[in-house]
N, C-alpha and C. Protein backbone atom coordinates (compact mmCIF):
# COMPACT_ATOMS: atom_id res chain seq x y z
N MET A 1 19.05 -26.85 -2.88
CA MET A 1 18.03 -26.24 -3.46
C MET A 1 17.83 -24.83 -3.00
N SER A 2 18.29 -23.93 -3.52
CA SER A 2 18.24 -22.52 -3.06
C SER A 2 17.15 -21.78 -3.32
N SER A 3 16.42 -21.12 -2.18
CA SER A 3 15.17 -20.25 -2.10
C SER A 3 15.43 -18.88 -2.27
N ASN A 4 14.60 -18.21 -2.85
CA ASN A 4 14.71 -16.61 -2.88
C ASN A 4 13.80 -16.04 -1.93
N ILE A 5 13.50 -16.96 -0.52
CA ILE A 5 13.02 -16.41 0.46
C ILE A 5 13.89 -16.08 1.25
N PRO A 6 13.80 -14.72 1.98
CA PRO A 6 15.16 -14.54 3.11
C PRO A 6 14.80 -15.33 4.13
N GLU A 7 15.79 -15.62 4.73
CA GLU A 7 15.26 -16.09 6.18
C GLU A 7 15.87 -15.20 7.51
N PHE A 8 14.76 -14.96 8.08
CA PHE A 8 14.64 -14.26 9.35
C PHE A 8 15.25 -15.00 10.68
N PRO A 9 15.74 -14.18 11.29
CA PRO A 9 16.34 -14.61 12.62
C PRO A 9 14.87 -15.25 13.57
N VAL A 10 15.08 -16.17 14.05
CA VAL A 10 13.91 -17.25 14.89
C VAL A 10 14.26 -16.76 16.13
N ASN A 11 13.24 -16.70 17.08
CA ASN A 11 13.16 -16.19 18.52
C ASN A 11 13.06 -17.62 19.22
N SER A 12 14.18 -17.97 19.95
CA SER A 12 13.99 -19.77 20.26
C SER A 12 13.80 -19.81 21.66
N GLY A 13 13.71 -18.75 22.28
CA GLY A 13 13.74 -18.48 23.95
C GLY A 13 12.21 -18.59 24.09
N PRO A 14 11.89 -18.79 25.41
CA PRO A 14 10.48 -19.10 25.92
C PRO A 14 9.62 -17.79 25.42
N ALA A 15 8.21 -18.04 24.86
CA ALA A 15 7.42 -17.32 25.03
C ALA A 15 7.11 -16.08 25.98
N THR A 16 7.70 -15.72 27.09
CA THR A 16 7.84 -14.86 27.85
C THR A 16 8.91 -14.01 27.45
N ALA A 17 10.04 -14.30 26.66
CA ALA A 17 11.25 -13.67 27.09
C ALA A 17 10.77 -12.55 25.94
N ASN A 18 11.71 -11.21 26.27
CA ASN A 18 11.70 -10.07 25.47
C ASN A 18 11.95 -10.18 23.86
N ILE A 19 10.84 -9.91 23.12
CA ILE A 19 11.02 -9.78 21.70
C ILE A 19 11.63 -8.69 21.27
N THR A 20 12.95 -9.06 20.46
CA THR A 20 13.53 -7.55 19.96
C THR A 20 12.85 -7.23 18.95
N PRO A 21 12.49 -5.99 19.04
CA PRO A 21 11.75 -5.12 17.36
C PRO A 21 12.56 -5.35 16.00
N ASN A 22 11.66 -5.33 15.31
CA ASN A 22 12.34 -5.58 13.73
C ASN A 22 13.02 -4.49 13.66
N PRO A 23 14.56 -4.91 13.20
CA PRO A 23 15.74 -3.65 13.05
C PRO A 23 15.17 -2.99 11.58
N LEU A 24 14.41 -3.55 11.04
CA LEU A 24 14.08 -2.78 9.65
C LEU A 24 12.82 -1.62 9.50
N SER A 25 12.99 -0.92 8.73
CA SER A 25 12.02 -0.03 8.99
C SER A 25 10.74 -0.42 8.07
N GLY A 26 9.71 0.45 8.05
CA GLY A 26 8.68 -0.17 7.66
C GLY A 26 8.73 -0.21 6.17
N ARG A 27 9.43 0.93 5.62
CA ARG A 27 9.72 0.90 3.99
C ARG A 27 10.71 0.06 3.58
N GLN A 28 11.65 -0.41 4.52
CA GLN A 28 12.29 -1.47 4.08
C GLN A 28 11.89 -2.85 3.85
N ARG A 29 10.62 -2.93 4.82
CA ARG A 29 10.11 -4.45 5.30
C ARG A 29 9.22 -4.65 4.00
N LEU A 30 8.51 -3.20 3.10
CA LEU A 30 7.59 -3.48 2.18
C LEU A 30 8.63 -3.42 0.81
N ASP A 31 9.96 -2.80 0.84
CA ASP A 31 10.52 -3.09 -0.43
C ASP A 31 11.21 -4.68 -0.46
N MET A 32 11.49 -5.05 0.54
CA MET A 32 12.06 -6.66 0.72
C MET A 32 10.53 -7.50 0.47
N ALA A 33 9.39 -7.08 0.90
CA ALA A 33 8.26 -8.22 0.54
C ALA A 33 7.81 -7.87 -1.06
N LEU A 34 7.95 -6.63 -1.31
CA LEU A 34 7.26 -6.51 -2.95
C LEU A 34 8.28 -6.96 -3.89
N ALA A 35 9.56 -7.07 -3.52
CA ALA A 35 10.74 -7.87 -4.04
C ALA A 35 10.51 -9.36 -4.49
N HIS A 36 9.38 -9.78 -3.62
CA HIS A 36 9.16 -11.12 -3.71
C HIS A 36 7.94 -12.00 -4.13
N ILE A 37 7.17 -10.65 -4.83
CA ILE A 37 5.85 -10.55 -5.10
C ILE A 37 6.04 -10.41 -6.85
N GLN A 38 5.21 -11.64 -7.56
CA GLN A 38 5.00 -11.24 -9.02
C GLN A 38 3.57 -10.87 -9.19
N PRO A 39 3.54 -9.98 -9.74
CA PRO A 39 2.16 -9.51 -9.89
C PRO A 39 1.35 -10.75 -10.99
N ASP A 40 -0.03 -11.00 -10.32
CA ASP A 40 -0.64 -11.94 -11.02
C ASP A 40 -2.39 -11.32 -10.77
N ASN A 41 -2.46 -10.54 -11.68
CA ASN A 41 -3.86 -10.16 -11.83
C ASN A 41 -4.82 -11.09 -11.50
N ASP A 42 -4.74 -12.19 -12.55
CA ASP A 42 -6.01 -13.49 -12.67
C ASP A 42 -6.12 -14.07 -11.16
N ALA A 43 -4.92 -13.99 -10.24
CA ALA A 43 -5.24 -14.72 -8.92
C ALA A 43 -6.11 -14.03 -7.91
N LEU A 44 -5.85 -12.32 -8.50
CA LEU A 44 -6.50 -11.29 -7.62
C LEU A 44 -7.79 -11.00 -7.98
N GLY A 45 -7.92 -11.60 -9.34
CA GLY A 45 -9.45 -11.42 -9.66
C GLY A 45 -9.44 -10.12 -10.65
N ILE A 46 -8.19 -9.28 -11.18
CA ILE A 46 -8.46 -8.09 -11.37
C ILE A 46 -7.98 -8.57 -13.07
N SER A 47 -8.88 -8.03 -14.03
CA SER A 47 -8.93 -8.23 -15.21
C SER A 47 -7.87 -7.22 -15.96
N ALA A 48 -7.14 -7.61 -16.77
CA ALA A 48 -6.07 -6.56 -17.46
C ALA A 48 -6.52 -5.41 -17.81
N SER A 49 -7.76 -5.41 -18.28
CA SER A 49 -8.13 -4.19 -19.09
C SER A 49 -8.94 -3.33 -18.40
N SER A 50 -9.20 -3.80 -16.82
CA SER A 50 -9.99 -2.80 -16.01
C SER A 50 -8.99 -1.85 -15.26
N SER A 51 -9.28 -0.31 -15.70
CA SER A 51 -8.34 0.77 -15.24
C SER A 51 -9.45 1.40 -14.23
N ASP A 52 -10.52 1.47 -14.09
CA ASP A 52 -11.28 2.18 -13.19
C ASP A 52 -12.11 1.45 -12.41
N LEU A 53 -11.16 0.81 -11.25
CA LEU A 53 -11.96 -0.19 -10.27
C LEU A 53 -12.29 0.47 -9.30
N THR A 54 -13.44 0.01 -8.82
CA THR A 54 -14.29 0.80 -7.48
C THR A 54 -13.69 0.26 -6.22
N MET A 55 -13.95 0.94 -4.84
CA MET A 55 -13.89 0.33 -4.01
C MET A 55 -14.11 -1.26 -3.73
N SER A 56 -14.96 -1.33 -3.79
CA SER A 56 -16.02 -2.99 -3.65
C SER A 56 -15.08 -3.71 -4.70
N GLU A 57 -14.75 -3.41 -5.80
CA GLU A 57 -13.86 -4.66 -6.60
C GLU A 57 -12.35 -4.61 -5.97
N LEU A 58 -11.91 -3.83 -5.22
CA LEU A 58 -10.78 -4.11 -4.83
C LEU A 58 -10.75 -4.54 -3.27
N ALA A 59 -11.91 -4.41 -2.69
CA ALA A 59 -11.68 -5.14 -1.21
C ALA A 59 -11.42 -6.27 -1.52
N LYS A 60 -11.78 -7.15 -1.96
CA LYS A 60 -11.05 -8.60 -1.99
C LYS A 60 -9.74 -8.88 -2.54
N PRO A 61 -9.28 -8.24 -3.51
CA PRO A 61 -7.88 -8.60 -3.54
C PRO A 61 -6.88 -7.86 -2.46
N ILE A 62 -7.22 -6.70 -1.73
CA ILE A 62 -6.58 -6.02 -0.97
C ILE A 62 -6.87 -7.03 0.49
N ASP A 63 -7.58 -7.61 0.74
CA ASP A 63 -7.87 -8.63 1.79
C ASP A 63 -6.76 -10.04 1.46
N ARG A 64 -6.67 -9.87 0.21
CA ARG A 64 -5.57 -11.11 -0.16
C ARG A 64 -4.28 -10.71 0.25
N VAL A 65 -3.80 -9.49 0.02
CA VAL A 65 -2.65 -8.89 -0.18
C VAL A 65 -2.53 -8.90 1.35
N ASN A 66 -3.44 -8.50 2.20
CA ASN A 66 -2.94 -8.08 3.64
C ASN A 66 -2.79 -9.37 4.26
N ALA A 67 -3.37 -10.29 3.87
CA ALA A 67 -3.19 -11.92 4.50
C ALA A 67 -1.53 -12.10 4.00
N VAL A 68 -1.15 -11.84 2.88
CA VAL A 68 0.44 -12.30 2.81
C VAL A 68 1.18 -11.21 3.53
N MET A 69 1.16 -9.77 3.30
CA MET A 69 1.94 -9.15 3.87
C MET A 69 1.65 -9.15 5.25
N ARG A 70 0.64 -9.52 5.88
CA ARG A 70 0.85 -9.76 7.85
C ARG A 70 2.36 -10.16 8.22
N SER A 71 2.64 -11.15 7.52
CA SER A 71 4.36 -11.53 8.06
C SER A 71 5.34 -10.34 8.06
N TYR A 72 5.04 -9.26 7.28
CA TYR A 72 5.93 -8.26 7.12
C TYR A 72 5.26 -7.39 7.78
N ASN A 73 4.36 -7.24 8.84
CA ASN A 73 3.80 -6.26 9.07
C ASN A 73 3.38 -5.31 8.37
N ILE A 74 3.17 -5.38 7.60
CA ILE A 74 2.51 -4.23 6.80
C ILE A 74 1.09 -4.52 6.11
N GLN A 75 0.48 -3.08 6.13
CA GLN A 75 -0.91 -3.27 6.05
C GLN A 75 -1.18 -2.49 4.92
N PHE A 76 -2.11 -2.96 3.93
CA PHE A 76 -2.88 -1.84 2.73
C PHE A 76 -4.13 -1.52 3.53
N GLU A 77 -4.38 -0.05 2.95
CA GLU A 77 -5.77 0.37 3.50
C GLU A 77 -6.10 1.50 2.52
N LEU A 78 -7.63 0.86 2.36
CA LEU A 78 -8.27 1.62 1.12
C LEU A 78 -8.99 2.90 1.60
N SER A 79 -8.96 3.65 1.23
CA SER A 79 -10.32 4.92 1.49
C SER A 79 -10.46 5.72 -0.12
N GLU A 80 -11.49 6.57 -0.01
CA GLU A 80 -12.02 7.34 -0.92
C GLU A 80 -11.83 8.92 -0.82
N TYR A 81 -11.31 9.45 -1.56
CA TYR A 81 -11.08 11.08 -1.25
C TYR A 81 -11.34 11.93 -2.65
N GLU A 82 -12.87 12.42 -2.49
CA GLU A 82 -13.19 13.04 -3.57
C GLU A 82 -13.23 12.54 -4.93
N GLY A 83 -13.59 11.39 -5.05
CA GLY A 83 -14.03 10.27 -6.05
C GLY A 83 -12.76 9.79 -6.32
N ARG A 84 -11.61 9.76 -5.75
CA ARG A 84 -10.38 8.83 -6.09
C ARG A 84 -10.34 7.80 -4.61
N ILE A 85 -9.54 6.79 -5.30
CA ILE A 85 -9.43 5.80 -4.77
C ILE A 85 -8.02 6.10 -3.83
N VAL A 86 -8.00 6.07 -2.38
CA VAL A 86 -6.43 6.20 -1.99
C VAL A 86 -5.85 5.20 -1.39
N THR A 87 -4.67 4.62 -1.64
CA THR A 87 -4.17 3.36 -0.99
C THR A 87 -3.05 4.00 -0.07
N ARG A 88 -3.04 3.32 1.12
CA ARG A 88 -2.51 3.48 1.98
C ARG A 88 -1.59 2.42 2.35
N ILE A 89 -0.21 2.41 2.83
CA ILE A 89 0.73 1.17 3.19
C ILE A 89 0.83 1.82 4.77
N VAL A 90 0.73 0.88 5.31
CA VAL A 90 0.77 1.22 7.43
C VAL A 90 1.59 0.22 7.80
N ASP A 91 2.47 0.50 8.81
CA ASP A 91 3.22 -0.52 9.45
C ASP A 91 2.18 -0.60 10.63
N ARG A 92 1.74 -1.81 10.75
CA ARG A 92 0.86 -2.78 11.51
C ARG A 92 1.52 -2.36 13.04
N GLU A 93 2.70 -2.30 12.94
CA GLU A 93 2.88 -2.17 14.71
C GLU A 93 2.87 -0.54 15.22
N SER A 94 3.60 0.22 14.61
CA SER A 94 3.34 1.61 15.00
C SER A 94 2.53 2.38 14.30
N GLN A 95 1.69 1.87 13.20
CA GLN A 95 0.34 2.78 12.87
C GLN A 95 1.19 3.70 11.65
N GLU A 96 2.47 3.64 11.45
CA GLU A 96 3.43 4.66 10.90
C GLU A 96 2.76 4.45 9.32
N LEU A 97 2.64 5.74 8.84
CA LEU A 97 2.28 5.46 7.22
C LEU A 97 3.67 5.73 6.53
N ILE A 98 3.60 4.50 5.60
CA ILE A 98 5.10 4.03 4.83
C ILE A 98 4.94 4.96 3.38
N ARG A 99 3.81 4.61 2.90
CA ARG A 99 2.97 5.56 1.53
C ARG A 99 2.03 5.63 1.39
N GLN A 100 1.71 6.21 0.69
CA GLN A 100 0.38 6.94 0.39
C GLN A 100 0.25 7.31 -1.32
N ILE A 101 -0.46 6.46 -2.05
CA ILE A 101 -0.83 6.61 -3.38
C ILE A 101 -2.23 6.91 -3.86
N PRO A 102 -2.54 8.53 -4.52
CA PRO A 102 -1.38 9.50 -4.86
C PRO A 102 -1.26 9.94 -3.13
N SER A 103 -0.03 10.71 -3.19
CA SER A 103 0.33 11.62 -2.35
C SER A 103 -0.61 12.59 -2.03
N GLU A 104 -0.50 13.01 -0.77
CA GLU A 104 -1.07 14.06 -0.22
C GLU A 104 -1.02 15.41 -0.92
N GLU A 105 0.35 15.22 -1.76
CA GLU A 105 0.49 16.34 -2.70
C GLU A 105 -0.23 16.52 -3.88
N VAL A 106 -0.42 15.55 -4.36
CA VAL A 106 -1.08 14.93 -5.74
C VAL A 106 -2.62 15.27 -5.44
N LEU A 107 -3.04 15.30 -4.15
CA LEU A 107 -4.40 15.09 -3.88
C LEU A 107 -4.61 16.63 -4.00
N ARG A 108 -4.01 17.40 -3.23
CA ARG A 108 -4.16 18.70 -3.08
C ARG A 108 -3.87 19.76 -4.54
N ILE A 109 -3.06 19.07 -5.03
CA ILE A 109 -2.81 19.50 -6.84
C ILE A 109 -4.19 19.35 -7.11
N ALA A 110 -4.72 18.22 -7.22
CA ALA A 110 -6.18 17.82 -7.79
C ALA A 110 -7.12 18.54 -7.47
N GLU A 111 -7.57 18.98 -6.49
CA GLU A 111 -8.37 19.62 -5.57
C GLU A 111 -8.30 20.77 -6.16
N THR A 112 -7.02 21.46 -6.01
CA THR A 112 -6.75 23.02 -6.68
C THR A 112 -6.99 22.95 -8.22
N LEU A 113 -6.66 21.97 -8.84
CA LEU A 113 -7.05 22.21 -10.27
C LEU A 113 -8.93 22.10 -10.58
N ALA A 114 -9.09 21.43 -9.79
CA ALA A 114 -10.72 21.36 -10.03
C ALA A 114 -11.60 22.28 -9.16
N GLN A 115 -11.03 22.72 -8.54
CA GLN A 115 -11.26 24.12 -8.03
C GLN A 115 -11.27 25.41 -9.03
N ARG A 116 -10.48 25.33 -9.57
CA ARG A 116 -9.97 26.37 -10.73
C ARG A 116 -10.23 26.14 -12.18
N GLN A 117 -10.73 24.87 -12.47
CA GLN A 117 -11.20 24.54 -13.83
C GLN A 117 -12.06 25.47 -14.47
N GLY A 118 -11.74 26.02 -15.88
CA GLY A 118 -12.25 26.81 -16.45
C GLY A 118 -11.86 28.19 -16.14
N ARG A 119 -10.61 28.16 -15.02
CA ARG A 119 -10.38 29.47 -14.84
C ARG A 119 -8.81 29.85 -14.82
N LEU A 120 -8.20 28.86 -15.53
CA LEU A 120 -6.68 28.61 -15.81
C LEU A 120 -6.27 29.83 -16.42
N VAL A 121 -6.86 30.43 -17.32
CA VAL A 121 -6.68 31.42 -18.29
C VAL A 121 -7.61 33.11 -18.29
N ASP A 122 -6.77 34.00 -17.82
CA ASP A 122 -7.16 34.89 -17.51
C ASP A 122 -7.53 35.81 -18.78
N TRP A 123 -8.40 35.97 -19.67
CA TRP A 123 -8.61 36.76 -20.59
C TRP A 123 -8.77 38.05 -20.59
N GLU A 124 -7.76 38.78 -21.32
CA GLU A 124 -8.03 40.59 -21.05
C GLU A 124 -8.00 40.68 -22.67
N ALA A 125 -9.09 41.66 -22.37
CA ALA A 125 -9.30 42.26 -24.10
C ALA A 125 -8.46 43.37 -24.60
């Protein structure tokens, strides 16, 4: 019987042996992990109709996702920036940012648009 789960090399040496670092980048490990996960909103406790979730509503599902992703050395982090929830995907070993949703560029654009709201059109008589 064939399994869809990829096989990883097993270090069979003693516990004190030098462990070689994972040759895959954080982004590659994330892509591999996400390829094996089917979305199941019911299991995460998220209703299909909810579009504006709060940080407290997302805490428990993110903890569950992090428990699964621990074996891939990937961690999801949530923060809030000017009323928007920001999700960061981080390499657990190096703390390198793999992906941020929304990106820094989108956050800067939203901030600029909010500052200029109502002043986008300059009416000259």
